[in-house]
Protein backbone atom coordinates (compact mmCIF):
# COMPACT_ATOMS: atom_id res chain seq x y z
CA MET A 1 63.57 11.91 61.78
CA ALA A 2 60.54 11.33 63.43
CA LYS A 3 57.66 12.06 61.99
CA PHE A 4 53.87 12.23 64.11
CA TYR A 5 50.43 11.63 62.17
CA SER A 6 46.97 12.15 64.03
CA GLU A 7 45.72 8.70 62.70
CA ILE A 8 46.94 5.62 61.10
CA THR A 9 47.49 6.64 57.64
CA PRO A 10 46.02 4.20 55.11
CA GLU A 11 50.17 3.80 53.81
CA LEU A 12 50.79 2.65 57.89
CA GLN A 13 47.81 0.55 57.89
CA ALA A 14 49.36 -1.56 55.02
CA PHE A 15 52.62 -1.63 56.68
CA ILE A 16 51.11 -2.96 59.90
CA ALA A 17 49.26 -5.81 57.72
CA ASP A 18 52.62 -6.87 56.13
CA GLN A 19 54.20 -7.25 59.85
CA LYS A 20 54.87 -10.56 61.41
CA LEU A 21 55.63 -9.18 65.42
CA PHE A 22 54.51 -6.42 66.90
CA PHE A 23 55.27 -5.49 70.81
CA THR A 24 53.21 -3.82 73.36
CA ALA A 25 54.17 -1.81 75.98
CA THR A 26 52.33 -0.89 79.26
CA ALA A 27 53.25 0.16 83.00
CA PRO A 28 51.68 0.34 85.95
CA THR A 29 51.49 3.80 87.56
CA ALA A 30 54.36 1.91 90.09
CA GLY A 31 56.04 -1.19 89.49
CA LEU A 32 57.65 -3.06 86.14
CA ILE A 33 57.86 -1.54 83.00
CA ASN A 34 55.67 -4.69 80.62
CA LEU A 35 57.61 -5.03 77.18
CA SER A 36 55.82 -8.30 75.04
CA PRO A 37 56.49 -9.49 71.58
CA LYS A 38 53.33 -10.74 69.84
CA GLY A 39 52.39 -12.46 66.49
CA MET A 40 50.35 -15.59 65.24
CA ASP A 41 48.18 -12.99 62.73
CA THR A 42 46.43 -11.69 65.77
CA PHE A 43 46.66 -7.48 64.62
CA ARG A 44 43.82 -6.03 63.41
CA CYS A 45 43.21 -2.16 62.46
CA PHE A 46 39.33 -1.59 62.86
CA ASP A 47 40.06 1.94 61.57
CA ALA A 48 42.59 4.82 61.63
CA LYS A 49 42.27 5.53 65.46
CA THR A 50 41.38 2.15 66.52
CA VAL A 51 43.54 -0.91 66.50
CA GLY A 52 43.54 -4.35 68.58
CA TYR A 53 45.08 -7.63 68.84
CA LEU A 54 43.52 -10.96 70.22
CA ASP A 55 45.34 -12.05 72.74
CA VAL A 56 46.40 -15.66 73.47
CA THR A 57 47.19 -17.11 77.38
CA GLY A 58 50.68 -16.61 78.41
CA SER A 59 52.92 -16.91 81.39
CA GLY A 60 51.49 -13.48 83.09
CA ASN A 61 48.70 -10.77 82.10
CA GLU A 62 50.66 -7.45 82.67
CA THR A 63 49.13 -6.03 80.17
CA SER A 64 45.58 -6.69 81.56
CA ALA A 65 46.33 -5.43 84.68
CA HIS A 66 48.01 -2.11 83.36
CA LEU A 67 45.41 -1.40 81.24
CA ILE A 68 42.43 -1.83 83.75
CA GLU A 69 44.88 0.33 86.15
CA ASN A 70 46.09 3.45 83.89
CA GLY A 71 44.99 2.62 80.46
CA ARG A 72 48.49 3.95 79.08
CA MET A 73 50.19 1.65 76.19
CA THR A 74 52.64 2.00 73.13
CA ILE A 75 52.48 -0.78 70.57
CA MET A 76 55.40 -0.80 68.07
CA PHE A 77 55.99 -2.49 64.67
CA CYS A 78 59.63 -2.35 62.59
CA SER A 79 60.38 -3.69 59.85
CA PHE A 80 62.76 -6.46 59.32
CA VAL A 81 62.85 -6.67 55.44
CA GLY A 82 62.22 -4.20 53.12
CA ALA A 83 62.53 -0.34 53.49
CA PRO A 84 63.31 0.35 57.24
CA LEU A 85 60.89 1.91 59.04
CA ILE A 86 59.89 1.74 62.96
CA LEU A 87 55.59 2.43 63.81
CA ARG A 88 55.02 3.43 67.03
CA LEU A 89 50.75 3.97 68.13
CA TYR A 90 50.55 5.57 71.24
CA GLY A 91 47.15 5.85 73.18
CA GLN A 92 44.38 4.42 75.37
CA GLY A 93 43.91 0.68 75.80
CA ARG A 94 41.09 -1.59 77.14
CA VAL A 95 40.39 -5.38 77.48
CA VAL A 96 37.39 -7.13 76.28
CA ARG A 97 36.84 -10.28 77.20
CA SER A 98 34.24 -12.74 76.16
CA ARG A 99 32.20 -12.04 79.24
CA ASP A 100 31.89 -8.52 77.77
CA ALA A 101 28.50 -7.65 75.24
CA ASN A 102 30.58 -6.55 72.68
CA TRP A 103 32.93 -9.48 72.50
CA GLU A 104 31.20 -11.72 69.83
CA ALA A 105 31.33 -7.97 67.38
CA ILE A 106 34.98 -7.61 67.64
CA HIS A 107 35.96 -11.51 68.46
CA ALA A 108 34.29 -11.81 64.62
CA GLN A 109 37.50 -9.54 63.49
CA PHE A 110 39.84 -12.70 64.20
CA GLN A 111 40.37 -16.12 63.41
CA SER A 112 39.87 -18.02 67.02
CA LEU A 113 42.62 -19.37 68.70
CA PRO A 114 42.98 -22.23 70.95
CA GLY A 115 43.98 -20.66 74.20
CA GLU A 116 42.55 -17.03 73.41
CA ARG A 117 41.40 -15.08 76.91
CA GLN A 118 41.00 -11.50 75.78
CA ILE A 119 41.03 -8.55 73.04
CA ILE A 120 43.16 -5.86 73.69
CA ILE A 121 42.04 -2.22 72.23
CA LEU A 122 43.96 0.86 71.66
CA ASN A 123 42.25 3.98 71.00
CA VAL A 124 45.18 5.79 69.20
CA ASP A 125 46.11 9.03 70.35
CA SER A 126 49.27 9.72 68.43
CA VAL A 127 51.25 7.80 65.45
CA GLN A 128 55.22 7.92 65.44
CA THR A 129 57.07 6.81 62.36
CA SER A 130 61.23 7.09 62.62
CA CYS A 131 63.78 5.73 60.81
CA GLY A 132 64.78 2.12 61.68
CA PHE A 133 68.11 2.63 60.28
CA GLY A 134 69.54 0.00 62.91
CA VAL A 135 67.05 -2.87 62.59
CA PRO A 136 68.41 -5.45 61.32
CA LEU A 137 67.13 -7.76 58.48
CA PHE A 138 65.57 -10.88 59.13
CA ASP A 139 63.67 -13.53 57.32
CA TYR A 140 60.40 -15.02 58.38
CA GLN A 141 60.75 -18.56 58.55
CA GLY A 142 57.11 -18.85 59.75
CA ASP A 143 54.92 -19.01 62.84
CA ARG A 144 55.72 -20.98 65.99
CA THR A 145 53.17 -23.69 66.90
CA LEU A 146 54.08 -24.25 70.31
CA LEU A 147 51.46 -21.83 72.61
CA VAL A 148 48.80 -23.08 70.22
CA ASP A 149 50.00 -26.70 70.83
CA TRP A 150 50.02 -25.92 74.45
CA ALA A 151 46.83 -24.54 74.52
CA GLU A 152 45.09 -27.74 72.97
CA LYS A 153 46.97 -29.93 75.09
CA LYS A 154 45.53 -27.95 77.97
CA GLY A 155 41.86 -28.19 76.79
CA PRO A 156 39.37 -25.38 77.98
CA ASP A 157 39.19 -26.64 81.58
CA GLY A 158 43.44 -26.62 82.08
CA LEU A 159 43.14 -23.34 80.53
CA TYR A 160 40.68 -21.78 83.52
CA GLU A 161 43.06 -23.52 86.09
CA TYR A 162 46.27 -21.62 84.54
CA TRP A 163 44.46 -18.88 84.00
CA LYS A 164 43.33 -18.90 87.98
CA ALA A 165 46.93 -19.96 89.16
CA LYS A 166 48.92 -17.46 87.11
CA ASN A 167 46.83 -14.80 85.07
CA GLN A 168 44.61 -13.17 87.96
CA GLN A 169 47.76 -10.44 88.92
CA SER A 170 50.47 -8.87 87.59
CA ILE A 171 53.80 -9.25 88.69
CA ASP A 172 53.09 -6.24 90.93
CA GLN A 173 50.31 -7.72 92.69
CA ILE A 174 47.54 -5.55 90.34
CA PRO A 175 44.56 -7.80 89.69
CA THR A 176 43.57 -8.59 85.96
CA TYR A 177 39.94 -9.32 86.49
CA LEU A 178 40.41 -12.17 83.84
CA LEU A 179 37.58 -14.33 85.72
CA SER A 180 35.84 -11.74 87.73
CA GLU A 181 34.10 -8.48 87.62
CA PRO A 182 36.09 -5.46 88.66
CA PRO A 183 34.40 -3.99 92.21
CA SER A 184 31.88 -1.17 91.31
CA ASP A 185 32.80 2.40 92.05
């Protein structure tokens, strides 16, 4: 049976800290829904209503585009070991980039990673738990190093060129403003 909370309790924060994998979901007003797996010890609970993760370079930049357009986001954790549990965090997300005034303070909460491109912050409106009885049991074997290896090999200039070619807009042609400021209103 699903249970709702107004904030992330200390017990749920401990559950989050134990997880090796989480999923993010965003959607534009019109277009394709994005659902992405994330890992590599990049997630942090800042307080009972605010979480974030260090976003590393990927094949696309859908989350950023969707958050700029409408801010809606869900983050999900599920237990693959121990007691079953699914945890969803619903709220409004935003993107923090290295050029933003608050980057240094927020970035200090994370271990720096090759290929990091932005930090995604979620202001949590609602928290939901559900049973997770159907989630299979898996053993954690370790983090893959392929993404870090790829980013190190590319280097800063190669990453910039990759961002320019592949991360400037979503699949639905929504701009991400990764390398530029959005137009002022």
